[in-house]
PDB file of all heavy atoms in Angstrom:
ATOM      1  N   THR A   1      24.941  -0.077  -1.069  1.00  0.00           N
ATOM      2  CA  THR A   1      23.761   0.588  -1.639  1.00  0.00           C
ATOM      3  C   THR A   1      22.709   0.847  -0.577  1.00  0.00           C
ATOM      4  O   THR A   1      22.100   1.928  -0.518  1.00  0.00           O
ATOM      5  CB  THR A   1      23.156  -0.275  -2.766  1.00  0.00           C
ATOM      6  OG1 THR A   1      24.162  -0.526  -3.760  1.00  0.00           O
ATOM      7  CG2 THR A   1      21.966   0.405  -3.411  1.00  0.00           C
ATOM      8  N   VAL A   2      22.491  -0.137   0.289  1.00  0.00           N
ATOM      9  CA  VAL A   2      21.517   0.027   1.374  1.00  0.00           C
ATOM     10  C   VAL A   2      21.980   1.112   2.344  1.00  0.00           C
ATOM     11  O   VAL A   2      21.184   1.960   2.780  1.00  0.00           O
ATOM     12  CB  VAL A   2      21.306  -1.312   2.113  1.00  0.00           C
ATOM     13  CG1 VAL A   2      20.470  -1.100   3.374  1.00  0.00           C
ATOM     14  CG2 VAL A   2      20.629  -2.317   1.191  1.00  0.00           C
ATOM     15  N   LEU A   3      23.277   1.111   2.692  1.00  0.00           N
ATOM     16  CA  LEU A   3      23.795   2.126   3.600  1.00  0.00           C
ATOM     17  C   LEU A   3      23.669   3.523   3.004  1.00  0.00           C
ATOM     18  O   LEU A   3      23.353   4.491   3.710  1.00  0.00           O
ATOM     19  CB  LEU A   3      25.256   1.827   3.941  1.00  0.00           C
ATOM     20  CG  LEU A   3      25.498   0.645   4.894  1.00  0.00           C
ATOM     21  CD1 LEU A   3      26.985   0.343   5.001  1.00  0.00           C
ATOM     22  CD2 LEU A   3      24.906   0.924   6.265  1.00  0.00           C
ATOM     23  N   ALA A   4      23.910   3.642   1.710  1.00  0.00           N
ATOM     24  CA  ALA A   4      23.776   4.942   1.045  1.00  0.00           C
ATOM     25  C   ALA A   4      22.326   5.426   1.097  1.00  0.00           C
ATOM     26  O   ALA A   4      22.051   6.605   1.344  1.00  0.00           O
ATOM     27  CB  ALA A   4      24.255   4.856  -0.399  1.00  0.00           C
ATOM     28  N   ALA A   5      21.388   4.501   0.897  1.00  0.00           N
ATOM     29  CA  ALA A   5      19.967   4.863   0.942  1.00  0.00           C
ATOM     30  C   ALA A   5      19.574   5.294   2.361  1.00  0.00           C
ATOM     31  O   ALA A   5      18.847   6.278   2.542  1.00  0.00           O
ATOM     32  CB  ALA A   5      19.111   3.682   0.490  1.00  0.00           C
ATOM     33  N   LEU A   6      20.083   4.581   3.369  1.00  0.00           N
ATOM     34  CA  LEU A   6      19.785   4.935   4.751  1.00  0.00           C
ATOM     35  C   LEU A   6      20.348   6.313   5.114  1.00  0.00           C
ATOM     36  O   LEU A   6      19.705   7.092   5.811  1.00  0.00           O
ATOM     37  CB  LEU A   6      20.346   3.878   5.704  1.00  0.00           C
ATOM     38  CG  LEU A   6      19.614   2.535   5.732  1.00  0.00           C
ATOM     39  CD1 LEU A   6      20.426   1.502   6.494  1.00  0.00           C
ATOM     40  CD2 LEU A   6      18.226   2.683   6.351  1.00  0.00           C
ATOM     41  N   THR A   7      21.541   6.595   4.591  1.00  0.00           N
ATOM     42  CA  THR A   7      22.145   7.903   4.845  1.00  0.00           C
ATOM     43  C   THR A   7      21.286   9.015   4.262  1.00  0.00           C
ATOM     44  O   THR A   7      21.052  10.061   4.901  1.00  0.00           O
ATOM     45  CB  THR A   7      23.558   7.973   4.245  1.00  0.00           C
ATOM     46  OG1 THR A   7      24.377   6.972   4.865  1.00  0.00           O
ATOM     47  CG2 THR A   7      24.183   9.346   4.475  1.00  0.00           C
ATOM     48  N   MET A   8      20.804   8.829   3.046  1.00  0.00           N
ATOM     49  CA  MET A   8      19.951   9.833   2.410  1.00  0.00           C
ATOM     50  C   MET A   8      18.644   9.996   3.178  1.00  0.00           C
ATOM     51  O   MET A   8      18.146  11.116   3.357  1.00  0.00           O
ATOM     52  CB  MET A   8      19.675   9.445   0.960  1.00  0.00           C
ATOM     53  CG  MET A   8      20.898   9.515   0.049  1.00  0.00           C
ATOM     54  SD  MET A   8      21.627  11.181   0.033  1.00  0.00           S
ATOM     55  CE  MET A   8      20.286  12.120  -0.678  1.00  0.00           C
ATOM     56  N   LEU A   9      18.072   8.894   3.653  1.00  0.00           N
ATOM     57  CA  LEU A   9      16.822   8.966   4.411  1.00  0.00           C
ATOM     58  C   LEU A   9      17.031   9.657   5.751  1.00  0.00           C
ATOM     59  O   LEU A   9      16.164  10.409   6.210  1.00  0.00           O
ATOM     60  CB  LEU A   9      16.260   7.558   4.620  1.00  0.00           C
ATOM     61  CG  LEU A   9      15.727   6.864   3.354  1.00  0.00           C
ATOM     62  CD1 LEU A   9      15.450   5.391   3.642  1.00  0.00           C
ATOM     63  CD2 LEU A   9      14.473   7.550   2.839  1.00  0.00           C
ATOM     64  N   GLU A  10      18.197   9.416   6.381  1.00  0.00           N
ATOM     65  CA  GLU A  10      18.514  10.121   7.626  1.00  0.00           C
ATOM     66  C   GLU A  10      18.631  11.616   7.374  1.00  0.00           C
ATOM     67  O   GLU A  10      18.151  12.441   8.162  1.00  0.00           O
ATOM     68  CB  GLU A  10      19.820   9.591   8.215  1.00  0.00           C
ATOM     69  CG  GLU A  10      19.674   8.299   8.991  1.00  0.00           C
ATOM     70  CD  GLU A  10      20.926   7.970   9.768  1.00  0.00           C
ATOM     71  OE1 GLU A  10      21.920   7.558   9.136  1.00  0.00           O
ATOM     72  OE2 GLU A  10      20.928   8.156  10.995  1.00  0.00           O
ATOM     73  N   THR A  11      19.270  11.966   6.265  1.00  0.00           N
ATOM     74  CA  THR A  11      19.423  13.378   5.917  1.00  0.00           C
ATOM     75  C   THR A  11      18.069  14.041   5.711  1.00  0.00           C
ATOM     76  O   THR A  11      17.866  15.204   6.093  1.00  0.00           O
ATOM     77  CB  THR A  11      20.256  13.524   4.624  1.00  0.00           C
ATOM     78  OG1 THR A  11      21.534  12.911   4.824  1.00  0.00           O
ATOM     79  CG2 THR A  11      20.450  14.998   4.254  1.00  0.00           C
ATOM     80  N   ARG A  12      17.122  13.318   5.156  1.00  0.00           N
ATOM     81  CA  ARG A  12      15.772  13.843   4.936  1.00  0.00           C
ATOM     82  C   ARG A  12      14.926  13.804   6.208  1.00  0.00           C
ATOM     83  O   ARG A  12      13.788  14.267   6.227  1.00  0.00           O
ATOM     84  CB  ARG A  12      15.053  13.032   3.842  1.00  0.00           C
ATOM     85  CG  ARG A  12      15.679  13.151   2.455  1.00  0.00           C
ATOM     86  CD  ARG A  12      14.990  12.186   1.488  1.00  0.00           C
ATOM     87  NE  ARG A  12      15.641  12.172   0.194  1.00  0.00           N
ATOM     88  CZ  ARG A  12      15.320  12.971  -0.812  1.00  0.00           C
ATOM     89  NH1 ARG A  12      14.353  13.854  -0.652  1.00  0.00           N
ATOM     90  NH2 ARG A  12      15.961  12.893  -1.963  1.00  0.00           N
ATOM     91  N   GLY A  13      15.469  13.224   7.289  1.00  0.00           N
ATOM     92  CA  GLY A  13      14.729  13.153   8.547  1.00  0.00           C
ATOM     93  C   GLY A  13      13.661  12.084   8.567  1.00  0.00           C
ATOM     94  O   GLY A  13      12.716  12.158   9.357  1.00  0.00           O
ATOM     95  N   LEU A  14      13.821  11.046   7.726  1.00  0.00           N
ATOM     96  CA  LEU A  14      12.787  10.020   7.612  1.00  0.00           C
ATOM     97  C   LEU A  14      13.111   8.748   8.388  1.00  0.00           C
ATOM     98  O   LEU A  14      12.214   7.947   8.660  1.00  0.00           O
ATOM     99  CB  LEU A  14      12.531   9.675   6.141  1.00  0.00           C
ATOM    100  CG  LEU A  14      11.947  10.820   5.299  1.00  0.00           C
ATOM    101  CD1 LEU A  14      11.906  10.437   3.830  1.00  0.00           C
ATOM    102  CD2 LEU A  14      10.554  11.174   5.789  1.00  0.00           C
ATOM    103  N   VAL A  15      14.387   8.520   8.695  1.00  0.00           N
ATOM    104  CA  VAL A  15      14.756   7.376   9.523  1.00  0.00           C
ATOM    105  C   VAL A  15      15.746   7.844  10.581  1.00  0.00           C
ATOM    106  O   VAL A  15      16.411   8.878  10.433  1.00  0.00           O
ATOM    107  CB  VAL A  15      15.370   6.206   8.710  1.00  0.00           C
ATOM    108  CG1 VAL A  15      14.424   5.718   7.642  1.00  0.00           C
ATOM    109  CG2 VAL A  15      16.710   6.620   8.101  1.00  0.00           C
ATOM    110  N   LEU A  16      15.839   7.059  11.648  1.00  0.00           N
ATOM    111  CA  LEU A  16      16.716   7.388  12.760  1.00  0.00           C
ATOM    112  C   LEU A  16      17.467   6.130  13.169  1.00  0.00           C
ATOM    113  O   LEU A  16      16.877   5.060  13.323  1.00  0.00           O
ATOM    114  CB  LEU A  16      15.887   7.903  13.940  1.00  0.00           C
ATOM    115  CG  LEU A  16      16.644   8.302  15.202  1.00  0.00           C
ATOM    116  CD1 LEU A  16      17.465   9.558  14.944  1.00  0.00           C
ATOM    117  CD2 LEU A  16      15.662   8.546  16.342  1.00  0.00           C
ATOM    118  N   ASP A  17      18.793   6.259  13.317  1.00  0.00           N
ATOM    119  CA  ASP A  17      19.624   5.140  13.748  1.00  0.00           C
ATOM    120  C   ASP A  17      19.612   5.069  15.270  1.00  0.00           C
ATOM    121  O   ASP A  17      20.122   5.955  15.954  1.00  0.00           O
ATOM    122  CB  ASP A  17      21.061   5.345  13.240  1.00  0.00           C
ATOM    123  CG  ASP A  17      21.977   4.186  13.620  1.00  0.00           C
ATOM    124  OD1 ASP A  17      21.487   3.210  14.209  1.00  0.00           O
ATOM    125  OD2 ASP A  17      23.186   4.271  13.325  1.00  0.00           O
ATOM    126  N   ALA A  18      19.018   4.030  15.813  1.00  0.00           N
ATOM    127  CA  ALA A  18      18.934   3.839  17.262  1.00  0.00           C
ATOM    128  C   ALA A  18      19.740   2.598  17.637  1.00  0.00           C
ATOM    129  O   ALA A  18      19.235   1.474  17.581  1.00  0.00           O
ATOM    130  CB  ALA A  18      17.486   3.695  17.709  1.00  0.00           C
ATOM    131  N   LEU A  19      21.033   2.801  17.944  1.00  0.00           N
ATOM    132  CA  LEU A  19      21.926   1.716  18.365  1.00  0.00           C
ATOM    133  C   LEU A  19      21.981   0.600  17.330  1.00  0.00           C
ATOM    134  O   LEU A  19      21.895  -0.588  17.653  1.00  0.00           O
ATOM    135  CB  LEU A  19      21.481   1.166  19.735  1.00  0.00           C
ATOM    136  CG  LEU A  19      21.472   2.181  20.888  1.00  0.00           C
ATOM    137  CD1 LEU A  19      20.951   1.524  22.157  1.00  0.00           C
ATOM    138  CD2 LEU A  19      22.867   2.730  21.111  1.00  0.00           C
ATOM    139  N   GLY A  20      22.130   0.998  16.073  1.00  0.00           N
ATOM    140  CA  GLY A  20      22.285   0.011  15.010  1.00  0.00           C
ATOM    141  C   GLY A  20      20.984  -0.497  14.423  1.00  0.00           C
ATOM    142  O   GLY A  20      20.997  -1.286  13.467  1.00  0.00           O
ATOM    143  N   ARG A  21      19.877  -0.047  14.953  1.00  0.00           N
ATOM    144  CA  ARG A  21      18.582  -0.440  14.393  1.00  0.00           C
ATOM    145  C   ARG A  21      17.872   0.814  13.906  1.00  0.00           C
ATOM    146  O   ARG A  21      17.742   1.789  14.652  1.00  0.00           O
ATOM    147  CB  ARG A  21      17.717  -1.153  15.437  1.00  0.00           C
ATOM    148  CG  ARG A  21      16.410  -1.690  14.836  1.00  0.00           C
ATOM    149  CD  ARG A  21      15.624  -2.527  15.824  1.00  0.00           C
ATOM    150  NE  ARG A  21      14.447  -3.104  15.177  1.00  0.00           N
ATOM    151  CZ  ARG A  21      14.434  -4.227  14.507  1.00  0.00           C
ATOM    152  NH1 ARG A  21      15.555  -4.932  14.404  1.00  0.00           N
ATOM    153  NH2 ARG A  21      13.342  -4.691  13.925  1.00  0.00           N
ATOM    154  N   TYR A  22      17.419   0.778  12.668  1.00  0.00           N
ATOM    155  CA  TYR A  22      16.803   1.961  12.063  1.00  0.00           C
ATOM    156  C   TYR A  22      15.303   1.962  12.308  1.00  0.00           C
ATOM    157  O   TYR A  22      14.632   0.927  12.170  1.00  0.00           O
ATOM    158  CB  TYR A  22      17.106   2.014  10.554  1.00  0.00           C
ATOM    159  CG  TYR A  22      18.554   2.335  10.288  1.00  0.00           C
ATOM    160  CD1 TYR A  22      19.510   1.325  10.243  1.00  0.00           C
ATOM    161  CD2 TYR A  22      18.965   3.650  10.119  1.00  0.00           C
ATOM    162  CE1 TYR A  22      20.849   1.614  10.026  1.00  0.00           C
ATOM    163  CE2 TYR A  22      20.306   3.950   9.896  1.00  0.00           C
ATOM    164  CZ  TYR A  22      21.238   2.937   9.851  1.00  0.00           C
ATOM    165  OH  TYR A  22      22.558   3.240   9.647  1.00  0.00           O
ATOM    166  N   ARG A  23      14.817   3.150  12.698  1.00  0.00           N
ATOM    167  CA  ARG A  23      13.391   3.305  12.977  1.00  0.00           C
ATOM    168  C   ARG A  23      12.852   4.474  12.183  1.00  0.00           C
ATOM    169  O   ARG A  23      13.592   5.403  11.836  1.00  0.00           O
ATOM    170  CB  ARG A  23      13.173   3.559  14.471  1.00  0.00           C
ATOM    171  CG  ARG A  23      13.728   2.461  15.361  1.00  0.00           C
ATOM    172  CD  ARG A  23      13.339   2.675  16.793  1.00  0.00           C
ATOM    173  NE  ARG A  23      11.901   2.521  16.970  1.00  0.00           N
ATOM    174  CZ  ARG A  23      11.297   2.584  18.148  1.00  0.00           C
ATOM    175  NH1 ARG A  23      12.003   2.817  19.228  1.00  0.00           N
ATOM    176  NH2 ARG A  23       9.997   2.442  18.245  1.00  0.00           N
ATOM    177  N   PRO A  24      11.556   4.449  11.858  1.00  0.00           N
ATOM    178  CA  PRO A  24      10.976   5.573  11.100  1.00  0.00           C
ATOM    179  C   PRO A  24      10.985   6.851  11.917  1.00  0.00           C
ATOM    180  O   PRO A  24      10.861   6.830  13.146  1.00  0.00           O
ATOM    181  CB  PRO A  24       9.546   5.104  10.804  1.00  0.00           C
ATOM    182  CG  PRO A  24       9.252   4.086  11.850  1.00  0.00           C
ATOM    183  CD  PRO A  24      10.556   3.414  12.155  1.00  0.00           C
ATOM    184  N   ALA A  25      11.119   7.977  11.243  1.00  0.00           N
ATOM    185  CA  ALA A  25      11.101   9.286  11.900  1.00  0.00           C
ATOM    186  C   ALA A  25      10.333  10.254  11.014  1.00  0.00           C
ATOM    187  O   ALA A  25      10.042   9.966   9.847  1.00  0.00           O
ATOM    188  CB  ALA A  25      12.524   9.791  12.148  1.00  0.00           C
ATOM    189  N   GLY A  26       9.998  11.424  11.575  1.00  0.00           N
ATOM    190  CA  GLY A  26       9.330  12.464  10.795  1.00  0.00           C
ATOM    191  C   GLY A  26       8.070  11.959  10.120  1.00  0.00           C
ATOM    192  O   GLY A  26       7.242  11.270  10.717  1.00  0.00           O
ATOM    193  N   ALA A  27       7.930  12.281   8.837  1.00  0.00           N
ATOM    194  CA  ALA A  27       6.726  11.911   8.097  1.00  0.00           C
ATOM    195  C   ALA A  27       6.556  10.410   7.969  1.00  0.00           C
ATOM    196  O   ALA A  27       5.445   9.910   7.813  1.00  0.00           O
ATOM    197  CB  ALA A  27       6.757  12.548   6.701  1.00  0.00           C
ATOM    198  N   LEU A  28       7.668   9.660   8.030  1.00  0.00           N
ATOM    199  CA  LEU A  28       7.582   8.206   7.873  1.00  0.00           C
ATOM    200  C   LEU A  28       6.943   7.535   9.082  1.00  0.00           C
ATOM    201  O   LEU A  28       6.474   6.402   8.988  1.00  0.00           O
ATOM    202  CB  LEU A  28       8.985   7.628   7.638  1.00  0.00           C
ATOM    203  CG  LEU A  28       9.051   6.208   7.043  1.00  0.00           C
ATOM    204  CD1 LEU A  28       8.373   6.165   5.689  1.00  0.00           C
ATOM    205  CD2 LEU A  28      10.490   5.742   6.935  1.00  0.00           C
ATOM    206  N   VAL A  29       6.900   8.233  10.229  1.00  0.00           N
ATOM    207  CA  VAL A  29       6.257   7.669  11.413  1.00  0.00           C
ATOM    208  C   VAL A  29       4.797   7.386  11.145  1.00  0.00           C
ATOM    209  O   VAL A  29       4.245   6.379  11.577  1.00  0.00           O
ATOM    210  CB  VAL A  29       6.406   8.633  12.613  1.00  0.00           C
ATOM    211  CG1 VAL A  29       5.587   8.139  13.800  1.00  0.00           C
ATOM    212  CG2 VAL A  29       7.866   8.739  13.002  1.00  0.00           C
ATOM    213  N   ALA A  30       4.134   8.293  10.420  1.00  0.00           N
ATOM    214  CA  ALA A  30       2.723   8.097  10.095  1.00  0.00           C
ATOM    215  C   ALA A  30       2.528   6.830   9.292  1.00  0.00           C
ATOM    216  O   ALA A  30       1.616   6.034   9.530  1.00  0.00           O
ATOM    217  CB  ALA A  30       2.199   9.304   9.312  1.00  0.00           C
ATOM    218  N   SER A  31       3.416   6.609   8.319  1.00  0.00           N
ATOM    219  CA  SER A  31       3.332   5.403   7.515  1.00  0.00           C
ATOM    220  C   SER A  31       3.576   4.171   8.360  1.00  0.00           C
ATOM    221  O   SER A  31       2.909   3.155   8.230  1.00  0.00           O
ATOM    222  CB  SER A  31       4.365   5.480   6.371  1.00  0.00           C
ATOM    223  OG  SER A  31       4.349   4.297   5.605  1.00  0.00           O
ATOM    224  N   ALA A  32       4.538   4.275   9.283  1.00  0.00           N
ATOM    225  CA  ALA A  32       4.845   3.140  10.157  1.00  0.00           C
ATOM    226  C   ALA A  32       3.640   2.763  10.992  1.00  0.00           C
ATOM    227  O   ALA A  32       3.330   1.602  11.190  1.00  0.00           O
ATOM    228  CB  ALA A  32       6.025   3.492  11.060  1.00  0.00           C
ATOM    229  N   GLY A  33       2.925   3.778  11.494  1.00  0.00           N
ATOM    230  CA  GLY A  33       1.763   3.510  12.323  1.00  0.00           C
ATOM    231  C   GLY A  33       0.695   2.743  11.580  1.00  0.00           C
ATOM    232  O   GLY A  33       0.030   1.891  12.121  1.00  0.00           O
ATOM    233  N   ARG A  34       0.548   3.062  10.266  1.00  0.00           N
ATOM    234  CA  ARG A  34      -0.484   2.363   9.492  1.00  0.00           C
ATOM    235  C   ARG A  34      -0.046   0.978   9.061  1.00  0.00           C
ATOM    236  O   ARG A  34      -0.835   0.059   8.966  1.00  0.00           O
ATOM    237  CB  ARG A  34      -0.848   3.205   8.258  1.00  0.00           C
ATOM    238  CG  ARG A  34      -1.681   4.406   8.555  1.00  0.00           C
ATOM    239  CD  ARG A  34      -2.226   5.004   7.280  1.00  0.00           C
ATOM    240  NE  ARG A  34      -1.159   5.438   6.407  1.00  0.00           N
ATOM    241  CZ  ARG A  34      -0.572   6.634   6.469  1.00  0.00           C
ATOM    242  NH1 ARG A  34      -0.945   7.471   7.397  1.00  0.00           N
ATOM    243  NH2 ARG A  34       0.379   6.979   5.633  1.00  0.00           N
ATOM    244  N   ARG A  35       1.272   0.814   8.760  1.00  0.00           N
ATOM    245  CA  ARG A  35       1.719  -0.437   8.168  1.00  0.00           C
ATOM    246  C   ARG A  35       1.941  -1.538   9.189  1.00  0.00           C
ATOM    247  O   ARG A  35       1.794  -2.704   8.893  1.00  0.00           O
ATOM    248  CB  ARG A  35       3.026  -0.214   7.388  1.00  0.00           C
ATOM    249  CG  ARG A  35       2.855   0.697   6.183  1.00  0.00           C
ATOM    250  CD  ARG A  35       4.217   1.039   5.602  1.00  0.00           C
ATOM    251  NE  ARG A  35       4.112   2.044   4.578  1.00  0.00           N
ATOM    252  CZ  ARG A  35       3.894   1.801   3.294  1.00  0.00           C
ATOM    253  NH1 ARG A  35       3.736   0.579   2.891  1.00  0.00           N
ATOM    254  NH2 ARG A  35       3.823   2.783   2.421  1.00  0.00           N
TER     255      ARG A  35
END
C-alpha cells in the first residue's frame, strides 16, 4: 500500500526516489521547507 502511494506521488511529481530514500519534489518542496 505504501509503495503504491509512493508510485502515485512520483507520477504526480510530488516525491522523488533518490537511491532508495524518498524526498519531496515539485509543490511538496514548499511544504517540506515549512515542516
